[in-house]
C-alpha atoms as a PDB file:
ATOM      1  CA  MET A   1      -0.027  -0.044   0.052  1.00  0.00           C
ATOM      2  CA  HIS A   2       1.561   3.320  -1.132  1.00  0.00           C
ATOM      3  CA  LEU A   3       0.736   6.640   0.306  1.00  0.00           C
ATOM      4  CA  PRO A   4      -0.526   9.338  -2.023  1.00  0.00           C
ATOM      5  CA  GLU A   5       2.065  11.541  -3.446  1.00  0.00           C
ATOM      6  CA  SER A   6       1.022  14.505  -1.394  1.00  0.00           C
ATOM      7  CA  LEU A   7       1.324  12.585   1.920  1.00  0.00           C
ATOM      8  CA  GLN A   8       4.795  11.417   0.719  1.00  0.00           C
ATOM      9  CA  ASP A   9       5.906  14.888   0.051  1.00  0.00           C
ATOM     10  CA  LEU A  10       4.606  15.866   3.606  1.00  0.00           C
ATOM     11  CA  ALA A  11       6.539  12.990   5.237  1.00  0.00           C
ATOM     12  CA  ASN A  12       9.750  14.036   3.323  1.00  0.00           C
ATOM     13  CA  SER A  13       9.317  17.802   4.129  1.00  0.00           C
ATOM     14  CA  GLU A  14      11.806  19.717   6.121  1.00  0.00           C
ATOM     15  CA  ALA A  15       9.353  20.426   8.924  1.00  0.00           C
ATOM     16  CA  VAL A  16       8.507  16.695   9.501  1.00  0.00           C
ATOM     17  CA  ARG A  17      12.222  15.740   9.286  1.00  0.00           C
ATOM     18  CA  PHE A  18      12.990  18.465  11.907  1.00  0.00           C
ATOM     19  CA  LEU A  19      10.183  17.119  14.364  1.00  0.00           C
ATOM     20  CA  LYS A  20      11.678  13.571  13.884  1.00  0.00           C
ATOM     21  CA  LYS A  21      15.012  14.577  15.266  1.00  0.00           C
ATOM     22  CA  PRO A  22      15.721  13.265  18.846  1.00  0.00           C
ATOM     23  CA  LYS A  23      16.894  16.495  20.010  1.00  0.00           C
ATOM     24  CA  THR A  24      13.740  18.217  18.858  1.00  0.00           C
ATOM     25  CA  ILE A  25      11.504  15.490  20.475  1.00  0.00           C
ATOM     26  CA  THR A  26      13.292  15.687  23.888  1.00  0.00           C
ATOM     27  CA  ARG A  27      13.134  19.491  23.797  1.00  0.00           C
ATOM     28  CA  ILE A  28       9.420  19.270  23.150  1.00  0.00           C
ATOM     29  CA  PHE A  29       8.963  16.958  26.104  1.00  0.00           C
ATOM     30  CA  ALA A  30      11.058  19.199  28.267  1.00  0.00           C
ATOM     31  CA  GLY A  31       8.982  22.222  27.380  1.00  0.00           C
ATOM     32  CA  VAL A  32       5.507  20.353  28.011  1.00  0.00           C
ATOM     33  CA  PHE A  33       6.852  19.185  31.374  1.00  0.00           C
ATOM     34  CA  SER A  34       7.924  22.714  32.296  1.00  0.00           C
ATOM     35  CA  LEU A  35       4.584  23.990  31.145  1.00  0.00           C
ATOM     36  CA  ILE A  36       2.709  21.568  33.372  1.00  0.00           C
ATOM     37  CA  ILE A  37       4.969  22.359  36.410  1.00  0.00           C
ATOM     38  CA  PHE A  38       4.501  26.160  36.403  1.00  0.00           C
ATOM     39  CA  SER A  39       0.838  26.129  35.204  1.00  0.00           C
ATOM     40  CA  SER A  40      -0.290  23.638  37.861  1.00  0.00           C
ATOM     41  CA  LEU A  41       0.985  25.699  40.682  1.00  0.00           C
ATOM     42  CA  LEU A  42       0.136  28.893  39.048  1.00  0.00           C
ATOM     43  CA  THR A  43      -3.607  28.074  38.929  1.00  0.00           C
ATOM     44  CA  ASP A  44      -4.118  25.760  41.940  1.00  0.00           C
ATOM     45  CA  GLY A  45      -0.978  26.208  43.922  1.00  0.00           C
ATOM     46  CA  TYR A  46      -2.218  28.867  46.284  1.00  0.00           C
ATOM     47  CA  GLN A  47      -5.197  28.037  48.333  1.00  0.00           C
ATOM     48  CA  ASN A  48      -6.856  29.347  51.453  1.00  0.00           C
ATOM     49  CA  LYS A  49      -6.979  27.291  54.695  1.00  0.00           C
ATOM     50  CA  THR A  50     -10.407  26.301  56.251  1.00  0.00           C
ATOM     51  CA  ASP A  51     -10.001  28.792  58.975  1.00  0.00           C
ATOM     52  CA  THR A  52      -8.804  31.814  56.988  1.00  0.00           C
ATOM     53  CA  SER A  53      -9.210  33.420  53.542  1.00  0.00           C
ATOM     54  CA  GLN A  54      -5.505  34.243  53.041  1.00  0.00           C
ATOM     55  CA  LEU A  55      -3.951  32.427  50.160  1.00  0.00           C
ATOM     56  CA  HIS A  56      -1.001  29.968  51.045  1.00  0.00           C
ATOM     57  CA  CYS A  57       1.183  27.619  48.994  1.00  0.00           C
ATOM     58  CA  VAL A  58      -0.213  24.077  49.111  1.00  0.00           C
ATOM     59  CA  LEU A  59       3.401  22.780  49.698  1.00  0.00           C
ATOM     60  CA  ASN A  60       3.648  23.168  53.441  1.00  0.00           C
ATOM     61  CA  SER A  61       2.412  26.829  53.187  1.00  0.00           C
ATOM     62  CA  ASN A  62       5.878  27.613  51.853  1.00  0.00           C
ATOM     63  CA  ASN A  63       5.614  30.267  49.321  1.00  0.00           C
ATOM     64  CA  ALA A  64       9.312  29.833  48.440  1.00  0.00           C
ATOM     65  CA  ALA A  65       8.510  26.296  47.185  1.00  0.00           C
ATOM     66  CA  CYS A  66       5.640  27.291  44.948  1.00  0.00           C
ATOM     67  CA  GLY A  67       7.670  30.426  43.651  1.00  0.00           C
ATOM     68  CA  PHE A  68      10.627  28.254  42.929  1.00  0.00           C
ATOM     69  CA  ALA A  69       8.462  25.698  40.901  1.00  0.00           C
ATOM     70  CA  ILE A  70       6.783  28.524  39.035  1.00  0.00           C
ATOM     71  CA  GLY A  71       9.855  30.445  38.217  1.00  0.00           C
ATOM     72  CA  ALA A  72      12.061  27.475  37.210  1.00  0.00           C
ATOM     73  CA  GLY A  73       9.222  26.022  35.129  1.00  0.00           C
ATOM     74  CA  PHE A  74       8.645  29.277  33.329  1.00  0.00           C
ATOM     75  CA  LEU A  75      12.198  29.816  32.522  1.00  0.00           C
ATOM     76  CA  ALA A  76      12.783  26.215  31.382  1.00  0.00           C
ATOM     77  CA  PHE A  77       9.796  26.682  29.124  1.00  0.00           C
ATOM     78  CA  LEU A  78      11.280  29.788  27.567  1.00  0.00           C
ATOM     79  CA  ASN A  79      14.501  28.122  27.287  1.00  0.00           C
ATOM     80  CA  CYS A  80      12.978  25.286  25.281  1.00  0.00           C
ATOM     81  CA  LEU A  81      11.195  27.660  22.946  1.00  0.00           C
ATOM     82  CA  ALA A  82      14.366  29.715  22.265  1.00  0.00           C
ATOM     83  CA  PHE A  83      16.358  26.725  21.469  1.00  0.00           C
ATOM     84  CA  LEU A  84      13.524  25.204  19.307  1.00  0.00           C
ATOM     85  CA  ALA A  85      13.652  28.445  17.151  1.00  0.00           C
ATOM     86  CA  LEU A  86      17.525  28.119  17.110  1.00  0.00           C
ATOM     87  CA  ASP A  87      17.393  24.570  16.099  1.00  0.00           C
ATOM     88  CA  ALA A  88      15.021  25.440  13.144  1.00  0.00           C
ATOM     89  CA  HIS A  89      17.480  27.752  11.766  1.00  0.00           C
ATOM     90  CA  GLU A  90      20.638  25.763  12.454  1.00  0.00           C
ATOM     91  CA  ASN A  91      21.163  24.990   8.892  1.00  0.00           C
ATOM     92  CA  ARG A  92      21.349  28.666   8.066  1.00  0.00           C
ATOM     93  CA  ILE A  93      24.219  29.146  10.509  1.00  0.00           C
ATOM     94  CA  THR A  94      27.324  29.084   8.219  1.00  0.00           C
ATOM     95  CA  SER A  95      29.963  29.975  10.892  1.00  0.00           C
ATOM     96  CA  ALA A  96      31.551  26.812  12.391  1.00  0.00           C
ATOM     97  CA  HIS A  97      32.587  28.731  15.449  1.00  0.00           C
ATOM     98  CA  LEU A  98      29.045  30.241  16.106  1.00  0.00           C
ATOM     99  CA  LYS A  99      27.486  26.719  15.591  1.00  0.00           C
ATOM    100  CA  MET A 100      30.003  25.166  18.061  1.00  0.00           C
ATOM    101  CA  THR A 101      29.210  28.034  20.556  1.00  0.00           C
ATOM    102  CA  PHE A 102      25.497  27.398  20.277  1.00  0.00           C
ATOM    103  CA  GLN A 103      25.857  23.668  20.856  1.00  0.00           C
ATOM    104  CA  LEU A 104      28.212  24.193  23.794  1.00  0.00           C
ATOM    105  CA  LEU A 105      25.653  26.494  25.401  1.00  0.00           C
ATOM    106  CA  ASP A 106      22.899  24.002  24.772  1.00  0.00           C
ATOM    107  CA  MET A 107      24.805  21.333  26.542  1.00  0.00           C
ATOM    108  CA  ILE A 108      25.731  23.444  29.597  1.00  0.00           C
ATOM    109  CA  LEU A 109      22.211  24.766  29.962  1.00  0.00           C
ATOM    110  CA  ALA A 110      20.841  21.255  29.762  1.00  0.00           C
ATOM    111  CA  VAL A 111      23.219  20.018  32.574  1.00  0.00           C
ATOM    112  CA  LEU A 112      22.272  22.953  34.629  1.00  0.00           C
ATOM    113  CA  TRP A 113      18.589  22.323  34.091  1.00  0.00           C
ATOM    114  CA  ALA A 114      19.063  18.727  35.073  1.00  0.00           C
ATOM    115  CA  LEU A 115      20.686  19.729  38.342  1.00  0.00           C
ATOM    116  CA  VAL A 116      17.886  22.408  38.915  1.00  0.00           C
ATOM    117  CA  TRP A 117      15.085  19.858  38.597  1.00  0.00           C
ATOM    118  CA  PHE A 118      16.990  17.357  40.720  1.00  0.00           C
ATOM    119  CA  VAL A 119      17.266  19.885  43.495  1.00  0.00           C
ATOM    120  CA  GLY A 120      13.650  21.092  42.905  1.00  0.00           C
ATOM    121  CA  PHE A 121      12.272  17.530  43.065  1.00  0.00           C
ATOM    122  CA  CYS A 122      14.079  16.908  46.366  1.00  0.00           C
ATOM    123  CA  PHE A 123      12.869  20.202  47.734  1.00  0.00           C
ATOM    124  CA  LEU A 124       9.293  19.971  46.670  1.00  0.00           C
ATOM    125  CA  THR A 125       8.947  16.309  47.844  1.00  0.00           C
ATOM    126  CA  ASN A 126      10.289  17.401  51.291  1.00  0.00           C
ATOM    127  CA  GLN A 127       7.835  20.266  51.445  1.00  0.00           C
ATOM    128  CA  ARG A 128       4.978  18.044  50.435  1.00  0.00           C
ATOM    129  CA  HIS A 129       5.710  15.412  53.066  1.00  0.00           C
ATOM    130  CA  ARG A 130       5.838  18.074  55.672  1.00  0.00           C
ATOM    131  CA  SER A 131       2.499  19.486  54.642  1.00  0.00           C
ATOM    132  CA  PRO A 132      -0.325  18.643  57.094  1.00  0.00           C
ATOM    133  CA  ARG A 133      -2.928  16.364  55.647  1.00  0.00           C
ATOM    134  CA  ARG A 134      -6.387  17.958  54.643  1.00  0.00           C
ATOM    135  CA  GLU A 135      -5.037  21.427  55.384  1.00  0.00           C
ATOM    136  CA  PHE A 136      -6.129  22.529  52.047  1.00  0.00           C
ATOM    137  CA  LEU A 137      -9.315  21.444  50.328  1.00  0.00           C
ATOM    138  CA  LEU A 138      -8.040  22.003  46.787  1.00  0.00           C
ATOM    139  CA  GLY A 139      -4.680  22.119  45.130  1.00  0.00           C
ATOM    140  CA  ASN A 140      -3.323  18.575  46.278  1.00  0.00           C
ATOM    141  CA  HIS A 141      -3.368  17.076  42.774  1.00  0.00           C
ATOM    142  CA  SER A 142      -1.573  20.162  41.383  1.00  0.00           C
ATOM    143  CA  ALA A 143       1.233  19.744  43.909  1.00  0.00           C
ATOM    144  CA  ASN A 144       1.457  16.010  43.033  1.00  0.00           C
ATOM    145  CA  ALA A 145       1.552  16.649  39.339  1.00  0.00           C
ATOM    146  CA  THR A 146       4.333  19.391  39.842  1.00  0.00           C
ATOM    147  CA  ILE A 147       6.469  16.884  41.824  1.00  0.00           C
ATOM    148  CA  ALA A 148       5.880  14.121  39.297  1.00  0.00           C
ATOM    149  CA  PHE A 149       6.868  16.162  36.187  1.00  0.00           C
ATOM    150  CA  ALA A 150       9.865  17.720  38.066  1.00  0.00           C
ATOM    151  CA  PHE A 151      11.112  14.119  38.484  1.00  0.00           C
ATOM    152  CA  PHE A 152      10.520  13.270  34.812  1.00  0.00           C
ATOM    153  CA  SER A 153      12.298  16.601  33.762  1.00  0.00           C
ATOM    154  CA  ILE A 154      15.424  15.332  35.386  1.00  0.00           C
ATOM    155  CA  PHE A 155      15.797  12.532  32.853  1.00  0.00           C
ATOM    156  CA  VAL A 156      14.625  14.533  29.903  1.00  0.00           C
ATOM    157  CA  TRP A 157      17.270  17.211  30.482  1.00  0.00           C
ATOM    158  CA  ILE A 158      19.972  14.481  30.963  1.00  0.00           C
ATOM    159  CA  ILE A 159      19.021  13.059  27.510  1.00  0.00           C
ATOM    160  CA  GLN A 160      19.116  16.534  26.149  1.00  0.00           C
ATOM    161  CA  ALA A 161      22.575  17.146  27.496  1.00  0.00           C
ATOM    162  CA  TYR A 162      23.804  13.866  25.967  1.00  0.00           C
ATOM    163  CA  LEU A 163      22.393  14.703  22.542  1.00  0.00           C
ATOM    164  CA  ALA A 164      23.951  18.181  22.646  1.00  0.00           C
ATOM    165  CA  PHE A 165      27.311  16.641  23.775  1.00  0.00           C
ATOM    166  CA  ARG A 166      27.106  14.150  20.884  1.00  0.00           C
ATOM    167  CA  ASN A 167      26.362  16.814  18.342  1.00  0.00           C
ATOM    168  CA  LEU A 168      29.171  18.881  19.669  1.00  0.00           C
ATOM    169  CA  ARG A 169      31.649  16.104  19.526  1.00  0.00           C
ATOM    170  CA  ASN A 170      30.558  15.307  15.938  1.00  0.00           C
ATOM    171  CA  ASP A 171      30.718  18.899  14.731  1.00  0.00           C
ATOM    172  CA  ILE A 172      34.049  19.936  16.261  1.00  0.00           C
ATOM    173  CA  PRO A 173      36.358  20.965  13.397  1.00  0.00           C
ATOM    174  CA  VAL A 174      39.670  19.269  13.314  1.00  0.00           C
ATOM    175  CA  PRO A 175      42.286  22.105  12.499  1.00  0.00           C
ATOM    176  CA  TYR A 176      45.245  21.344  10.431  1.00  0.00           C
ATOM    177  CA  LYS A 177      43.949  17.998   9.417  1.00  0.00           C
ATOM    178  CA  ARG A 178      45.113  18.400   5.794  1.00  0.00           C
ATOM    179  CA  SER A 179      48.572  19.683   6.887  1.00  0.00           C
ATOM    180  CA  LEU A 180      48.934  16.798   9.307  1.00  0.00           C
ATOM    181  CA  ASP A 181      48.104  14.322   6.448  1.00  0.00           C
ATOM    182  CA  GLU A 182      50.604  16.012   4.094  1.00  0.00           C
ATOM    183  CA  GLY A 183      53.209  15.915   6.927  1.00  0.00           C
ATOM    184  CA  GLY A 184      52.680  12.209   7.405  1.00  0.00           C
ATOM    185  CA  MET A 185      53.176  11.611   3.685  1.00  0.00           C
ATOM    186  CA  VAL A 186      56.477  13.623   3.686  1.00  0.00           C
ATOM    187  CA  LEU A 187      57.782  11.563   6.602  1.00  0.00           C
ATOM    188  CA  ASN A 188      56.712   8.349   4.820  1.00  0.00           C
ATOM    189  CA  THR A 189      58.614   9.523   1.784  1.00  0.00           C
ATOM    190  CA  LEU A 190      61.713  10.520   3.743  1.00  0.00           C
ATOM    191  CA  SER A 191      61.676   7.205   5.576  1.00  0.00           C
ATOM    192  CA  ARG A 192      61.863   5.292   2.248  1.00  0.00           C
ATOM    193  CA  LEU A 193      64.797   7.318   0.820  1.00  0.00           C
ATOM    194  CA  PRO A 194      67.625   5.678   2.742  1.00  0.00           C
ATOM    195  CA  ALA A 195      66.345   2.143   1.675  1.00  0.00           C
ATOM    196  CA  ALA A 196      66.113   3.262  -1.965  1.00  0.00           C
ATOM    197  CA  SER A 197      69.703   4.907  -1.935  1.00  0.00           C
ATOM    198  CA  SER A 198      71.257   1.900  -0.295  1.00  0.00           C
ATOM    199  CA  ILE A 199      70.468  -0.081  -3.327  1.00  0.00           C
ATOM    200  CA  ASN A 200      72.310   2.238  -5.719  1.00  0.00           C
ATOM    201  CA  MET A 201      75.396   2.839  -3.460  1.00  0.00           C
ATOM    202  CA  PRO A 202      78.493   0.766  -4.475  1.00  0.00           C
ATOM    203  CA  ASN A 203      79.340  -1.938  -2.053  1.00  0.00           C
ATOM    204  CA  THR A 204      82.932  -1.501  -0.734  1.00  0.00           C
ATOM    205  CA  GLY A 205      82.676  -4.226   1.902  1.00  0.00           C
ATOM    206  CA  PRO A 206      84.819  -7.369   2.182  1.00  0.00           C
ATOM    207  CA  ASN A 207      82.334  -9.339  -0.040  1.00  0.00           C
ATOM    208  CA  SER A 208      82.580  -6.864  -2.930  1.00  0.00           C
ATOM    209  CA  PRO A 209      84.535  -7.920  -6.105  1.00  0.00           C
ATOM    210  CA  SER A 210      86.806  -4.749  -6.023  1.00  0.00           C
ATOM    211  CA  TYR A 211      87.874  -5.468  -2.563  1.00  0.00           C
ATOM    212  CA  THR A 212      88.740  -9.012  -3.392  1.00  0.00           C
ATOM    213  CA  SER A 213      90.722  -8.126  -6.479  1.00  0.00           C
ATOM    214  CA  SER A 214      92.689  -5.423  -4.566  1.00  0.00           C
ATOM    215  CA  ALA A 215      93.438  -7.795  -1.699  1.00  0.00           C
ATOM    216  CA  LEU A 216      94.746 -10.567  -3.973  1.00  0.00           C
ATOM    217  CA  SER A 217      97.122  -8.306  -6.007  1.00  0.00           C
ATOM    218  CA  PRO A 218     100.739  -8.926  -4.964  1.00  0.00           C
ATOM    219  CA  HIS A 219     101.797  -5.363  -5.968  1.00  0.00           C
ATOM    220  CA  PRO A 220      99.529  -2.874  -4.468  1.00  0.00           C
ATOM    221  CA  ALA A 221      99.290   0.226  -6.349  1.00  0.00           C
ATOM    222  CA  ALA A 222     101.448   2.955  -5.083  1.00  0.00           C
ATOM    223  CA  PRO A 223      99.913   6.342  -4.513  1.00  0.00           C
ATOM    224  CA  LYS A 224     100.591   8.723  -7.354  1.00  0.00           C
ATOM    225  CA  THR A 225     102.846  11.700  -6.527  1.00  0.00           C
ATOM    226  CA  PRO A 226     102.245  15.080  -8.080  1.00  0.00           C
ATOM    227  CA  ARG A 227     104.714  16.095 -10.912  1.00  0.00           C
ATOM    228  CA  LEU A 228     106.337  19.484 -10.963  1.00  0.00           C
ATOM    229  CA  ALA A 229     106.370  21.131 -14.285  1.00  0.00           C
ATOM    230  CA  MET A 230     109.685  23.041 -15.209  1.00  0.00           C
ATOM    231  CA  MET A 231     109.145  26.512 -16.415  1.00  0.00           C
ATOM    232  CA  PRO A 232     111.663  27.593 -19.116  1.00  0.00           C
ATOM    233  CA  ASP A 233     113.838  30.542 -18.451  1.00  0.00           C
ATOM    234  CA  SER A 234     112.887  33.572 -20.601  1.00  0.00           C
END
């Protein structure tokens, strides 16, 4: 069964191929998790107690816990949107140095966000356990959802950091690669020269014919002395 031509073109389009990338998928998941974290506490995270009308954070009445989750989730969501926009225009970046800087920044931020959500998960879980039961009539499910998606965000950002590190390692330019290859060729050529020249050099050892004939001769050749030419008197 073959798909229609229009659907095949849609499947092979640049937008679909961009959405199929593992880095894009993990970034979308990280953005959705961050959206759930800060929106849950922003809508139902502050409730009033049964005996007062003042709003308190559902996490042990600790406004710092709700503020941390809302602020970190909102910033992480903006981070995902910004890098999704940069990923969409990554092919238009011609400078290798700028692309390497962008990938290095992506890896560093992913590691930092993984640490932030690890600390946030521990902090929010501690505040949740300290919260008195049935202190608030509403907001308990929002607190549980925030803690759960903070836990999931740790692994998503770790995967994002790994993908950024892999892309950075694959795209690092190797400087002077051509000169190194040429230098290796020159060294190989020079190493072969002595072997080739030893074949053409005359053999003057004891096994050479000239050495044998000179050794068997009873009258060794005397060295020639230079002759002095007499100049006539003018």
